[in-house]
Amino acid sequence: MSNGRFILFACLVGVALVAASMFVTNEYYVFAAYFVLQYVVLATAWNILGGYVGYVNFGTTAFLAIGLYSAAALNKWLDLPIPALIPIAGVLCGAVGLVMGYLTIRLRGVYFTIATLALSVVVQTFITNWDYVGGSRGLYVMRPSEVPVFGSYVAYLFFLMTVLAVAAVVTARAIERSTFGFGLAAIRDDETAAAASGVPVLRLKLVAAAISGGLMGMAGAPLPFYLTYVEPTSSFSLAYTVNSVAMPLVGGTTSWIGPVIGAVLLGTMQQAMTVLISSSVNLLVVGLLLVIFVIAAPNGILGLIRSKGGKKPDPETNPLAAMLVTEKRSSQ
């Protein structure tokens, strides 16, 4: 399928989702679907750097929170509409991703992962002490109860997140099938060989880091208007980091469809468990699934499907497995 046809198909799926939400009488289902779509964006964004390049990023909450708090701060200062806040958050987080990439992308394996985790700690410390957005006390965000056309403001935010999800998936697929994506795959398979072959390794990794960070920031921009109250503890929840890593790994990291499959399956499962059991078991179940897939199905659901067709899976295409293998080799 050509890129033009795929964009049309993705837009039609988005329109169908928005149209279906208009007929839902229980607003909780729209609320739950919003978070599933948010995880589609986060998982897809993570996979651009973690799956396509093979650099495991534990800094999801840093970019999500930067997008969230920048939108909340600009709304408080200038009262800008959300459609203006989303691209601003994307540009800001893209710049942070570029700077982070320039400072840390030369690191490999576990050292890069630790550096991204440190970024989250630094950002959380800054926001906790930023009085303008409430610091550790948190911040209430006022929103209108209704908007034209959509009626409910929740339906309007669901529409915006649907647009973001479609844009993220289209971007990831375009990258995967482009010369840029082939360069990223070469880096993932063997960075030293890619550099020796003339692939501009540093430049490609920096662009991937900027795109990944920008998409994560845009996913966070509508969140304060959805929750109406934000504070550092929930904004930097471990669930965002664990899910953004687990969803691509469960679905499969070598293709754009893998994070979508993982986000829909794990996101829907967690929303169901929250209602039927308790939200406290969500991370436990996701963690167990992550361990199972890393050990038993390192290429995720896509790898299982492809293995049924006779194609032997390569465990080292899984970024976590590849990182562990690299560390083991370097220690020998």
C-alpha atoms as a PDB file:
ATOM      1  CA  MET A   1       0.000   0.000   0.000  1.00  0.00           C
ATOM      2  CA  SER A   2       1.389   3.389  -1.007  1.00  0.00           C
ATOM      3  CA  ASN A   3       1.884   6.138   1.550  1.00  0.00           C
ATOM      4  CA  GLY A   4      -1.004   8.144   0.090  1.00  0.00           C
ATOM      5  CA  ARG A   5      -3.443   5.256   0.344  1.00  0.00           C
ATOM      6  CA  PHE A   6      -2.274   4.424   3.826  1.00  0.00           C
ATOM      7  CA  ILE A   7      -2.796   8.026   4.979  1.00  0.00           C
ATOM      8  CA  LEU A   8      -6.314   7.909   3.553  1.00  0.00           C
ATOM      9  CA  PHE A   9      -6.963   4.564   5.268  1.00  0.00           C
ATOM     10  CA  ALA A  10      -5.618   5.843   8.607  1.00  0.00           C
ATOM     11  CA  CYS A  11      -7.775   8.980   8.350  1.00  0.00           C
ATOM     12  CA  LEU A  12     -10.860   6.871   7.634  1.00  0.00           C
ATOM     13  CA  VAL A  13     -10.141   4.746  10.712  1.00  0.00           C
ATOM     14  CA  GLY A  14      -9.777   7.934  12.750  1.00  0.00           C
ATOM     15  CA  VAL A  15     -13.051   9.330  11.412  1.00  0.00           C
ATOM     16  CA  ALA A  16     -14.779   6.037  12.249  1.00  0.00           C
ATOM     17  CA  LEU A  17     -13.466   6.163  15.826  1.00  0.00           C
ATOM     18  CA  VAL A  18     -14.596   9.757  16.314  1.00  0.00           C
ATOM     19  CA  ALA A  19     -18.010   9.018  14.760  1.00  0.00           C
ATOM     20  CA  ALA A  20     -18.443   5.977  17.013  1.00  0.00           C
ATOM     21  CA  SER A  21     -17.600   8.062  20.093  1.00  0.00           C
ATOM     22  CA  MET A  22     -20.476  10.406  19.270  1.00  0.00           C
ATOM     23  CA  PHE A  23     -22.976   7.593  19.860  1.00  0.00           C
ATOM     24  CA  VAL A  24     -21.493   6.419  23.157  1.00  0.00           C
ATOM     25  CA  THR A  25     -23.752   7.408  26.043  1.00  0.00           C
ATOM     26  CA  ASN A  26     -21.414   6.336  28.844  1.00  0.00           C
ATOM     27  CA  GLU A  27     -18.591   8.892  28.918  1.00  0.00           C
ATOM     28  CA  TYR A  28     -16.276   6.464  30.717  1.00  0.00           C
ATOM     29  CA  TYR A  29     -15.811   4.441  27.511  1.00  0.00           C
ATOM     30  CA  VAL A  30     -14.598   7.575  25.731  1.00  0.00           C
ATOM     31  CA  PHE A  31     -12.352   8.291  28.708  1.00  0.00           C
ATOM     32  CA  ALA A  32     -10.846   4.779  28.507  1.00  0.00           C
ATOM     33  CA  ALA A  33     -10.464   4.959  24.715  1.00  0.00           C
ATOM     34  CA  TYR A  34      -8.622   8.272  25.099  1.00  0.00           C
ATOM     35  CA  PHE A  35      -5.938   6.623  27.227  1.00  0.00           C
ATOM     36  CA  VAL A  36      -5.615   3.701  24.802  1.00  0.00           C
ATOM     37  CA  LEU A  37      -5.015   6.163  21.962  1.00  0.00           C
ATOM     38  CA  GLN A  38      -2.575   8.095  24.140  1.00  0.00           C
ATOM     39  CA  TYR A  39      -0.610   4.886  24.601  1.00  0.00           C
ATOM     40  CA  VAL A  40      -0.705   4.309  20.845  1.00  0.00           C
ATOM     41  CA  VAL A  41       1.105   7.649  20.447  1.00  0.00           C
ATOM     42  CA  LEU A  42       3.553   6.973  23.306  1.00  0.00           C
ATOM     43  CA  ALA A  43       4.348   3.420  22.179  1.00  0.00           C
ATOM     44  CA  THR A  44       4.794   4.504  18.569  1.00  0.00           C
ATOM     45  CA  ALA A  45       7.019   7.403  19.623  1.00  0.00           C
ATOM     46  CA  TRP A  46       9.117   5.138  21.859  1.00  0.00           C
ATOM     47  CA  ASN A  47       9.511   2.621  19.039  1.00  0.00           C
ATOM     48  CA  ILE A  48      11.041   5.193  16.671  1.00  0.00           C
ATOM     49  CA  LEU A  49      14.096   5.346  18.931  1.00  0.00           C
ATOM     50  CA  GLY A  50      13.800   2.097  20.889  1.00  0.00           C
ATOM     51  CA  GLY A  51      12.662  -0.229  18.094  1.00  0.00           C
ATOM     52  CA  TYR A  52      13.972   1.260  14.862  1.00  0.00           C
ATOM     53  CA  VAL A  53      17.350   2.318  16.317  1.00  0.00           C
ATOM     54  CA  GLY A  54      17.629  -0.113  19.233  1.00  0.00           C
ATOM     55  CA  TYR A  55      18.212   2.489  21.960  1.00  0.00           C
ATOM     56  CA  VAL A  56      16.082   1.660  25.014  1.00  0.00           C
ATOM     57  CA  ASN A  57      14.599   4.880  26.380  1.00  0.00           C
ATOM     58  CA  PHE A  58      13.313   5.042  29.962  1.00  0.00           C
ATOM     59  CA  GLY A  59      12.680   8.784  29.770  1.00  0.00           C
ATOM     60  CA  THR A  60       9.090   8.672  28.535  1.00  0.00           C
ATOM     61  CA  THR A  61       7.733  10.468  31.597  1.00  0.00           C
ATOM     62  CA  ALA A  62      10.200  13.332  31.102  1.00  0.00           C
ATOM     63  CA  PHE A  63       8.877  14.147  27.614  1.00  0.00           C
ATOM     64  CA  LEU A  64       5.257  13.488  28.554  1.00  0.00           C
ATOM     65  CA  ALA A  65       5.548  15.785  31.589  1.00  0.00           C
ATOM     66  CA  ILE A  66       7.328  18.523  29.631  1.00  0.00           C
ATOM     67  CA  GLY A  67       4.493  18.506  27.108  1.00  0.00           C
ATOM     68  CA  LEU A  68       1.898  18.383  29.881  1.00  0.00           C
ATOM     69  CA  TYR A  69       3.319  21.180  32.021  1.00  0.00           C
ATOM     70  CA  SER A  70       4.289  23.413  29.101  1.00  0.00           C
ATOM     71  CA  ALA A  71       0.682  23.245  27.880  1.00  0.00           C
ATOM     72  CA  ALA A  72      -0.642  23.957  31.389  1.00  0.00           C
ATOM     73  CA  ALA A  73       1.772  26.867  31.897  1.00  0.00           C
ATOM     74  CA  LEU A  74       1.043  28.477  28.517  1.00  0.00           C
ATOM     75  CA  ASN A  75      -2.688  28.067  29.062  1.00  0.00           C
ATOM     76  CA  LYS A  76      -2.352  29.808  32.427  1.00  0.00           C
ATOM     77  CA  TRP A  77      -0.167  32.573  30.983  1.00  0.00           C
ATOM     78  CA  LEU A  78      -1.639  33.224  27.519  1.00  0.00           C
ATOM     79  CA  ASP A  79      -4.889  31.198  27.570  1.00  0.00           C
ATOM     80  CA  LEU A  80      -3.982  29.524  24.264  1.00  0.00           C
ATOM     81  CA  PRO A  81      -6.302  26.898  22.732  1.00  0.00           C
ATOM     82  CA  ILE A  82      -5.251  23.260  22.772  1.00  0.00           C
ATOM     83  CA  PRO A  83      -4.667  23.033  18.981  1.00  0.00           C
ATOM     84  CA  ALA A  84      -1.986  25.709  19.440  1.00  0.00           C
ATOM     85  CA  LEU A  85      -0.527  24.131  22.581  1.00  0.00           C
ATOM     86  CA  ILE A  86      -0.001  20.690  21.034  1.00  0.00           C
ATOM     87  CA  PRO A  87       2.517  21.749  18.318  1.00  0.00           C
ATOM     88  CA  ILE A  88       4.287  24.060  20.794  1.00  0.00           C
ATOM     89  CA  ALA A  89       4.719  21.127  23.181  1.00  0.00           C
ATOM     90  CA  GLY A  90       5.925  18.992  20.276  1.00  0.00           C
ATOM     91  CA  VAL A  91       8.560  21.519  19.212  1.00  0.00           C
ATOM     92  CA  LEU A  92       9.737  22.017  22.797  1.00  0.00           C
ATOM     93  CA  CYS A  93      10.020  18.284  23.493  1.00  0.00           C
ATOM     94  CA  GLY A  94      11.626  17.712  20.104  1.00  0.00           C
ATOM     95  CA  ALA A  95      14.289  20.269  21.055  1.00  0.00           C
ATOM     96  CA  VAL A  96      14.787  18.556  24.419  1.00  0.00           C
ATOM     97  CA  GLY A  97      15.084  15.208  22.613  1.00  0.00           C
ATOM     98  CA  LEU A  98      17.667  16.697  20.261  1.00  0.00           C
ATOM     99  CA  VAL A  99      19.733  18.100  23.131  1.00  0.00           C
ATOM    100  CA  MET A 100      19.400  14.889  25.129  1.00  0.00           C
ATOM    101  CA  GLY A 101      20.422  12.930  22.066  1.00  0.00           C
ATOM    102  CA  TYR A 102      23.463  15.091  21.455  1.00  0.00           C
ATOM    103  CA  LEU A 103      24.591  14.648  25.059  1.00  0.00           C
ATOM    104  CA  THR A 104      23.797  10.956  25.525  1.00  0.00           C
ATOM    105  CA  ILE A 105      23.327   9.244  22.150  1.00  0.00           C
ATOM    106  CA  ARG A 106      27.023   8.372  21.967  1.00  0.00           C
ATOM    107  CA  LEU A 107      26.396   6.110  24.941  1.00  0.00           C
ATOM    108  CA  ARG A 108      25.276   2.591  24.178  1.00  0.00           C
ATOM    109  CA  GLY A 109      23.291  -0.121  25.879  1.00  0.00           C
ATOM    110  CA  VAL A 110      22.549   0.208  29.553  1.00  0.00           C
ATOM    111  CA  TYR A 111      24.515   3.467  29.841  1.00  0.00           C
ATOM    112  CA  PHE A 112      22.131   5.261  27.471  1.00  0.00           C
ATOM    113  CA  THR A 113      19.151   3.776  29.304  1.00  0.00           C
ATOM    114  CA  ILE A 114      20.435   5.062  32.662  1.00  0.00           C
ATOM    115  CA  ALA A 115      21.005   8.508  31.135  1.00  0.00           C
ATOM    116  CA  THR A 116      17.371   8.715  29.946  1.00  0.00           C
ATOM    117  CA  LEU A 117      16.185   7.621  33.384  1.00  0.00           C
ATOM    118  CA  ALA A 118      18.308  10.384  34.914  1.00  0.00           C
ATOM    119  CA  LEU A 119      16.593  12.876  32.587  1.00  0.00           C
ATOM    120  CA  SER A 120      13.229  11.959  34.118  1.00  0.00           C
ATOM    121  CA  VAL A 121      14.600  12.541  37.609  1.00  0.00           C
ATOM    122  CA  VAL A 122      15.988  15.949  36.634  1.00  0.00           C
ATOM    123  CA  VAL A 123      12.734  17.063  34.988  1.00  0.00           C
ATOM    124  CA  GLN A 124      10.643  15.821  37.920  1.00  0.00           C
ATOM    125  CA  THR A 125      12.840  17.710  40.386  1.00  0.00           C
ATOM    126  CA  PHE A 126      12.505  20.896  38.330  1.00  0.00           C
ATOM    127  CA  ILE A 127       8.726  20.663  38.008  1.00  0.00           C
ATOM    128  CA  THR A 128       8.265  19.779  41.690  1.00  0.00           C
ATOM    129  CA  ASN A 129       9.985  23.058  42.568  1.00  0.00           C
ATOM    130  CA  TRP A 130       8.294  25.195  39.858  1.00  0.00           C
ATOM    131  CA  ASP A 131       5.780  27.287  41.781  1.00  0.00           C
ATOM    132  CA  TYR A 132       4.116  28.753  38.670  1.00  0.00           C
ATOM    133  CA  VAL A 133       2.564  25.361  37.886  1.00  0.00           C
ATOM    134  CA  GLY A 134       1.857  24.557  41.524  1.00  0.00           C
ATOM    135  CA  GLY A 135       5.039  22.646  42.337  1.00  0.00           C
ATOM    136  CA  SER A 136       4.377  19.606  44.494  1.00  0.00           C
ATOM    137  CA  ARG A 137       0.856  20.897  45.295  1.00  0.00           C
ATOM    138  CA  GLY A 138      -0.312  20.451  41.737  1.00  0.00           C
ATOM    139  CA  LEU A 139      -2.340  22.667  39.420  1.00  0.00           C
ATOM    140  CA  TYR A 140      -6.032  22.839  38.550  1.00  0.00           C
ATOM    141  CA  VAL A 141      -6.830  23.478  34.901  1.00  0.00           C
ATOM    142  CA  MET A 142     -10.184  25.009  34.049  1.00  0.00           C
ATOM    143  CA  ARG A 143     -11.932  23.877  30.900  1.00  0.00           C
ATOM    144  CA  PRO A 144     -15.332  24.626  29.364  1.00  0.00           C
ATOM    145  CA  SER A 145     -17.953  21.946  29.839  1.00  0.00           C
ATOM    146  CA  GLU A 146     -18.996  22.015  26.181  1.00  0.00           C
ATOM    147  CA  VAL A 147     -17.562  22.983  22.789  1.00  0.00           C
ATOM    148  CA  PRO A 148     -19.306  23.556  19.459  1.00  0.00           C
ATOM    149  CA  VAL A 149     -19.834  20.564  17.142  1.00  0.00           C
ATOM    150  CA  PHE A 150     -18.541  17.996  19.632  1.00  0.00           C
ATOM    151  CA  GLY A 151     -20.746  18.991  22.546  1.00  0.00           C
ATOM    152  CA  SER A 152     -18.841  17.319  25.374  1.00  0.00           C
ATOM    153  CA  TYR A 153     -15.306  18.603  25.974  1.00  0.00           C
ATOM    154  CA  VAL A 154     -14.191  15.014  26.569  1.00  0.00           C
ATOM    155  CA  ALA A 155     -15.354  14.113  23.051  1.00  0.00           C
ATOM    156  CA  TYR A 156     -13.367  17.079  21.714  1.00  0.00           C
ATOM    157  CA  LEU A 157     -10.207  15.879  23.487  1.00  0.00           C
ATOM    158  CA  PHE A 158     -10.819  12.358  22.182  1.00  0.00           C
ATOM    159  CA  PHE A 159     -10.930  13.813  18.663  1.00  0.00           C
ATOM    160  CA  LEU A 160      -7.591  15.577  19.212  1.00  0.00           C
ATOM    161  CA  MET A 161      -5.958  12.409  20.547  1.00  0.00           C
ATOM    162  CA  THR A 162      -7.314  10.461  17.587  1.00  0.00           C
ATOM    163  CA  VAL A 163      -5.661  12.967  15.233  1.00  0.00           C
ATOM    164  CA  LEU A 164      -2.391  12.598  17.157  1.00  0.00           C
ATOM    165  CA  ALA A 165      -2.583   8.790  17.027  1.00  0.00           C
ATOM    166  CA  VAL A 166      -3.185   8.832  13.275  1.00  0.00           C
ATOM    167  CA  ALA A 167      -0.326  11.301  12.766  1.00  0.00           C
ATOM    168  CA  ALA A 168       2.056   9.222  14.907  1.00  0.00           C
ATOM    169  CA  VAL A 169       1.265   5.967  13.099  1.00  0.00           C
ATOM    170  CA  VAL A 170       1.542   7.595   9.657  1.00  0.00           C
ATOM    171  CA  THR A 171       4.880   9.148  10.652  1.00  0.00           C
ATOM    172  CA  ALA A 172       6.255   5.847  11.965  1.00  0.00           C
ATOM    173  CA  ARG A 173       5.229   3.961   8.824  1.00  0.00           C
ATOM    174  CA  ALA A 174       6.705   6.637   6.555  1.00  0.00           C
ATOM    175  CA  ILE A 175       9.986   6.486   8.497  1.00  0.00           C
ATOM    176  CA  GLU A 176      10.079   2.683   8.345  1.00  0.00           C
ATOM    177  CA  ARG A 177       9.751   2.646   4.553  1.00  0.00           C
ATOM    178  CA  SER A 178      12.101   5.541   3.816  1.00  0.00           C
ATOM    179  CA  THR A 179      15.846   5.785   3.296  1.00  0.00           C
ATOM    180  CA  PHE A 180      15.955   7.313   6.767  1.00  0.00           C
ATOM    181  CA  GLY A 181      14.316   4.205   8.187  1.00  0.00           C
ATOM    182  CA  PHE A 182      16.725   1.894   6.364  1.00  0.00           C
ATOM    183  CA  GLY A 183      19.583   3.841   7.914  1.00  0.00           C
ATOM    184  CA  LEU A 184      18.046   3.428  11.385  1.00  0.00           C
ATOM    185  CA  ALA A 185      17.665  -0.327  10.793  1.00  0.00           C
ATOM    186  CA  ALA A 186      21.320  -0.536   9.787  1.00  0.00           C
ATOM    187  CA  ILE A 187      22.299   1.200  13.030  1.00  0.00           C
ATOM    188  CA  ARG A 188      20.132  -1.195  15.030  1.00  0.00           C
ATOM    189  CA  ASP A 189      21.651  -4.264  13.376  1.00  0.00           C
ATOM    190  CA  ASP A 190      25.305  -3.164  13.676  1.00  0.00           C
ATOM    191  CA  GLU A 191      26.159   0.443  14.453  1.00  0.00           C
ATOM    192  CA  THR A 192      29.881   0.045  13.791  1.00  0.00           C
ATOM    193  CA  ALA A 193      29.291  -1.571  10.404  1.00  0.00           C
ATOM    194  CA  ALA A 194      26.713   1.099   9.524  1.00  0.00           C
ATOM    195  CA  ALA A 195      29.190   3.885  10.295  1.00  0.00           C
ATOM    196  CA  ALA A 196      31.884   2.133   8.273  1.00  0.00           C
ATOM    197  CA  SER A 197      29.450   1.871   5.342  1.00  0.00           C
ATOM    198  CA  GLY A 198      28.897   5.623   5.263  1.00  0.00           C
ATOM    199  CA  VAL A 199      25.629   5.842   7.195  1.00  0.00           C
ATOM    200  CA  PRO A 200      25.485   9.215   9.039  1.00  0.00           C
ATOM    201  CA  VAL A 201      24.959   7.494  12.367  1.00  0.00           C
ATOM    202  CA  LEU A 202      24.984  10.483  14.711  1.00  0.00           C
ATOM    203  CA  ARG A 203      22.694  12.608  12.542  1.00  0.00           C
ATOM    204  CA  LEU A 204      20.122   9.839  12.107  1.00  0.00           C
ATOM    205  CA  LYS A 205      20.064   9.055  15.819  1.00  0.00           C
ATOM    206  CA  LEU A 206      19.597  12.722  16.692  1.00  0.00           C
ATOM    207  CA  VAL A 207      16.684  13.085  14.267  1.00  0.00           C
ATOM    208  CA  ALA A 208      15.085   9.898  15.655  1.00  0.00           C
ATOM    209  CA  ALA A 209      15.483  11.191  19.221  1.00  0.00           C
ATOM    210  CA  ALA A 210      13.910  14.535  18.281  1.00  0.00           C
ATOM    211  CA  ILE A 211      10.922  12.940  16.515  1.00  0.00           C
ATOM    212  CA  SER A 212      10.374  10.470  19.352  1.00  0.00           C
ATOM    213  CA  GLY A 213      10.518  13.187  22.009  1.00  0.00           C
ATOM    214  CA  GLY A 214       8.269  15.520  20.012  1.00  0.00           C
ATOM    215  CA  LEU A 215       5.514  12.922  19.644  1.00  0.00           C
ATOM    216  CA  MET A 216       5.660  12.075  23.345  1.00  0.00           C
ATOM    217  CA  GLY A 217       5.359  15.755  24.223  1.00  0.00           C
ATOM    218  CA  MET A 218       2.342  16.208  21.957  1.00  0.00           C
ATOM    219  CA  ALA A 219       0.679  13.206  23.620  1.00  0.00           C
ATOM    220  CA  GLY A 220       1.049  14.942  26.979  1.00  0.00           C
ATOM    221  CA  ALA A 221      -0.248  18.376  25.929  1.00  0.00           C
ATOM    222  CA  PRO A 222      -4.020  17.602  26.101  1.00  0.00           C
ATOM    223  CA  LEU A 223      -3.692  15.632  29.350  1.00  0.00           C
ATOM    224  CA  PRO A 224      -4.076  18.511  31.861  1.00  0.00           C
ATOM    225  CA  PHE A 225      -7.349  19.503  30.193  1.00  0.00           C
ATOM    226  CA  TYR A 226      -8.524  15.911  30.323  1.00  0.00           C
ATOM    227  CA  LEU A 227      -7.698  15.347  33.991  1.00  0.00           C
ATOM    228  CA  THR A 228      -8.310  19.011  35.070  1.00  0.00           C
ATOM    229  CA  TYR A 229      -5.735  18.494  37.829  1.00  0.00           C
ATOM    230  CA  VAL A 230      -2.067  17.593  37.458  1.00  0.00           C
ATOM    231  CA  GLU A 231       0.697  17.035  39.989  1.00  0.00           C
ATOM    232  CA  PRO A 232       4.225  15.581  39.730  1.00  0.00           C
ATOM    233  CA  THR A 233       3.584  12.198  41.347  1.00  0.00           C
ATOM    234  CA  SER A 234       0.950  11.080  38.844  1.00  0.00           C
ATOM    235  CA  SER A 235       2.570  12.908  35.920  1.00  0.00           C
ATOM    236  CA  PHE A 236       5.773  10.920  36.434  1.00  0.00           C
ATOM    237  CA  SER A 237       3.972   7.660  37.123  1.00  0.00           C
ATOM    238  CA  LEU A 238       5.994   4.526  36.454  1.00  0.00           C
ATOM    239  CA  ALA A 239       3.040   3.226  34.437  1.00  0.00           C
ATOM    240  CA  TYR A 240       3.847   5.560  31.533  1.00  0.00           C
ATOM    241  CA  THR A 241       7.431   4.330  31.288  1.00  0.00           C
ATOM    242  CA  VAL A 242       6.611   0.639  31.713  1.00  0.00           C
ATOM    243  CA  ASN A 243       3.746   0.715  29.218  1.00  0.00           C
ATOM    244  CA  SER A 244       5.635   2.700  26.579  1.00  0.00           C
ATOM    245  CA  VAL A 245       8.351   0.029  26.687  1.00  0.00           C
ATOM    246  CA  ALA A 246       6.131  -3.032  27.112  1.00  0.00           C
ATOM    247  CA  MET A 247       3.605  -2.230  24.390  1.00  0.00           C
ATOM    248  CA  PRO A 248       6.071  -2.158  21.461  1.00  0.00           C
ATOM    249  CA  LEU A 249       7.907  -5.212  22.816  1.00  0.00           C
ATOM    250  CA  VAL A 250       4.682  -7.195  23.145  1.00  0.00           C
ATOM    251  CA  GLY A 251       3.431  -6.130  19.725  1.00  0.00           C
ATOM    252  CA  GLY A 252       6.775  -6.202  17.924  1.00  0.00           C
ATOM    253  CA  THR A 253       9.386  -3.471  17.496  1.00  0.00           C
ATOM    254  CA  THR A 254      10.445  -3.958  13.875  1.00  0.00           C
ATOM    255  CA  SER A 255       7.260  -2.570  12.314  1.00  0.00           C
ATOM    256  CA  TRP A 256       4.885   0.364  12.862  1.00  0.00           C
ATOM    257  CA  ILE A 257       1.973  -1.981  13.514  1.00  0.00           C
ATOM    258  CA  GLY A 258       3.654  -3.650  16.514  1.00  0.00           C
ATOM    259  CA  PRO A 259       3.269  -0.723  18.955  1.00  0.00           C
ATOM    260  CA  VAL A 260      -0.334  -0.255  17.798  1.00  0.00           C
ATOM    261  CA  ILE A 261      -1.153  -3.905  18.514  1.00  0.00           C
ATOM    262  CA  GLY A 262       0.572  -3.773  21.890  1.00  0.00           C
ATOM    263  CA  ALA A 263      -1.070  -0.482  22.892  1.00  0.00           C
ATOM    264  CA  VAL A 264      -4.574  -1.636  21.953  1.00  0.00           C
ATOM    265  CA  LEU A 265      -4.201  -5.014  23.680  1.00  0.00           C
ATOM    266  CA  LEU A 266      -2.446  -3.888  26.864  1.00  0.00           C
ATOM    267  CA  GLY A 267      -4.307  -0.577  27.077  1.00  0.00           C
ATOM    268  CA  THR A 268      -7.716  -2.221  26.759  1.00  0.00           C
ATOM    269  CA  MET A 269      -6.719  -4.971  29.196  1.00  0.00           C
ATOM    270  CA  GLN A 270      -5.623  -2.433  31.811  1.00  0.00           C
ATOM    271  CA  GLN A 271      -8.804  -0.410  31.502  1.00  0.00           C
ATOM    272  CA  ALA A 272     -10.845  -3.599  31.929  1.00  0.00           C
ATOM    273  CA  MET A 273      -8.807  -4.666  34.980  1.00  0.00           C
ATOM    274  CA  THR A 274      -9.240  -1.216  36.513  1.00  0.00           C
ATOM    275  CA  VAL A 275     -13.008  -1.646  36.395  1.00  0.00           C
ATOM    276  CA  LEU A 276     -13.252  -5.364  37.179  1.00  0.00           C
ATOM    277  CA  ILE A 277     -10.386  -5.851  39.660  1.00  0.00           C
ATOM    278  CA  SER A 278      -8.168  -2.927  40.648  1.00  0.00           C
ATOM    279  CA  SER A 279      -5.803  -0.494  38.969  1.00  0.00           C
ATOM    280  CA  SER A 280      -3.073  -1.610  41.386  1.00  0.00           C
ATOM    281  CA  VAL A 281      -2.610  -4.892  39.484  1.00  0.00           C
ATOM    282  CA  ASN A 282      -2.059  -3.220  36.109  1.00  0.00           C
ATOM    283  CA  LEU A 283       1.707  -2.825  36.382  1.00  0.00           C
ATOM    284  CA  LEU A 284       2.068  -6.327  37.815  1.00  0.00           C
ATOM    285  CA  VAL A 285       0.325  -7.904  34.832  1.00  0.00           C
ATOM    286  CA  VAL A 286       2.156  -5.721  32.305  1.00  0.00           C
ATOM    287  CA  GLY A 287       5.485  -6.523  33.955  1.00  0.00           C
ATOM    288  CA  LEU A 288       4.804 -10.253  33.844  1.00  0.00           C
ATOM    289  CA  LEU A 289       3.808 -10.068  30.175  1.00  0.00           C
ATOM    290  CA  LEU A 290       6.945  -8.060  29.415  1.00  0.00           C
ATOM    291  CA  VAL A 291       9.182 -10.701  31.025  1.00  0.00           C
ATOM    292  CA  ILE A 292       7.334 -13.520  29.257  1.00  0.00           C
ATOM    293  CA  PHE A 293       7.623 -11.910  25.838  1.00  0.00           C
ATOM    294  CA  VAL A 294      11.287 -10.951  26.263  1.00  0.00           C
ATOM    295  CA  ILE A 295      12.119 -14.582  27.125  1.00  0.00           C
ATOM    296  CA  ALA A 296       9.644 -16.620  25.079  1.00  0.00           C
ATOM    297  CA  ALA A 297       8.757 -14.311  22.164  1.00  0.00           C
ATOM    298  CA  PRO A 298      11.459 -11.631  21.806  1.00  0.00           C
ATOM    299  CA  ASN A 299      10.000 -10.429  18.506  1.00  0.00           C
ATOM    300  CA  GLY A 300       6.554  -9.964  20.001  1.00  0.00           C
ATOM    301  CA  ILE A 301       3.241 -10.895  18.449  1.00  0.00           C
ATOM    302  CA  LEU A 302       4.493  -9.939  14.990  1.00  0.00           C
ATOM    303  CA  GLY A 303       7.406 -12.340  15.435  1.00  0.00           C
ATOM    304  CA  LEU A 304       5.025 -15.145  16.399  1.00  0.00           C
ATOM    305  CA  ILE A 305       2.912 -14.468  13.309  1.00  0.00           C
ATOM    306  CA  ARG A 306       5.960 -14.414  11.047  1.00  0.00           C
ATOM    307  CA  SER A 307       7.362 -17.596  12.591  1.00  0.00           C
ATOM    308  CA  LYS A 308       4.127 -19.341  11.632  1.00  0.00           C
ATOM    309  CA  GLY A 309       5.006 -18.491   8.042  1.00  0.00           C
ATOM    310  CA  GLY A 310       8.372 -20.210   8.336  1.00  0.00           C
ATOM    311  CA  LYS A 311      10.524 -17.130   8.981  1.00  0.00           C
ATOM    312  CA  LYS A 312      12.970 -17.696  11.824  1.00  0.00           C
ATOM    313  CA  PRO A 313      12.822 -14.818  14.339  1.00  0.00           C
ATOM    314  CA  ASP A 314      15.968 -12.942  15.333  1.00  0.00           C
ATOM    315  CA  PRO A 315      15.978 -12.334  19.122  1.00  0.00           C
ATOM    316  CA  GLU A 316      18.434  -9.449  18.780  1.00  0.00           C
ATOM    317  CA  THR A 317      15.848  -7.306  16.998  1.00  0.00           C
ATOM    318  CA  ASN A 318      14.278  -6.940  20.440  1.00  0.00           C
ATOM    319  CA  PRO A 319      16.011  -3.870  21.903  1.00  0.00           C
ATOM    320  CA  LEU A 320      16.001  -5.181  25.490  1.00  0.00           C
ATOM    321  CA  ALA A 321      17.360  -8.580  24.450  1.00  0.00           C
ATOM    322  CA  ALA A 322      19.927  -6.935  22.191  1.00  0.00           C
ATOM    323  CA  MET A 323      21.058  -4.650  25.022  1.00  0.00           C
ATOM    324  CA  LEU A 324      21.540  -7.620  27.344  1.00  0.00           C
ATOM    325  CA  VAL A 325      23.444  -9.553  24.674  1.00  0.00           C
ATOM    326  CA  THR A 326      25.683  -6.549  24.008  1.00  0.00           C
ATOM    327  CA  GLU A 327      26.455  -6.133  27.695  1.00  0.00           C
ATOM    328  CA  LYS A 328      27.243  -9.826  28.026  1.00  0.00           C
ATOM    329  CA  ARG A 329      29.617  -9.722  25.071  1.00  0.00           C
ATOM    330  CA  SER A 330      31.380  -6.606  26.315  1.00  0.00           C
ATOM    331  CA  SER A 331      31.930  -8.176  29.753  1.00  0.00           C
ATOM    332  CA  GLN A 332      33.593 -11.254  28.296  1.00  0.00           C
END
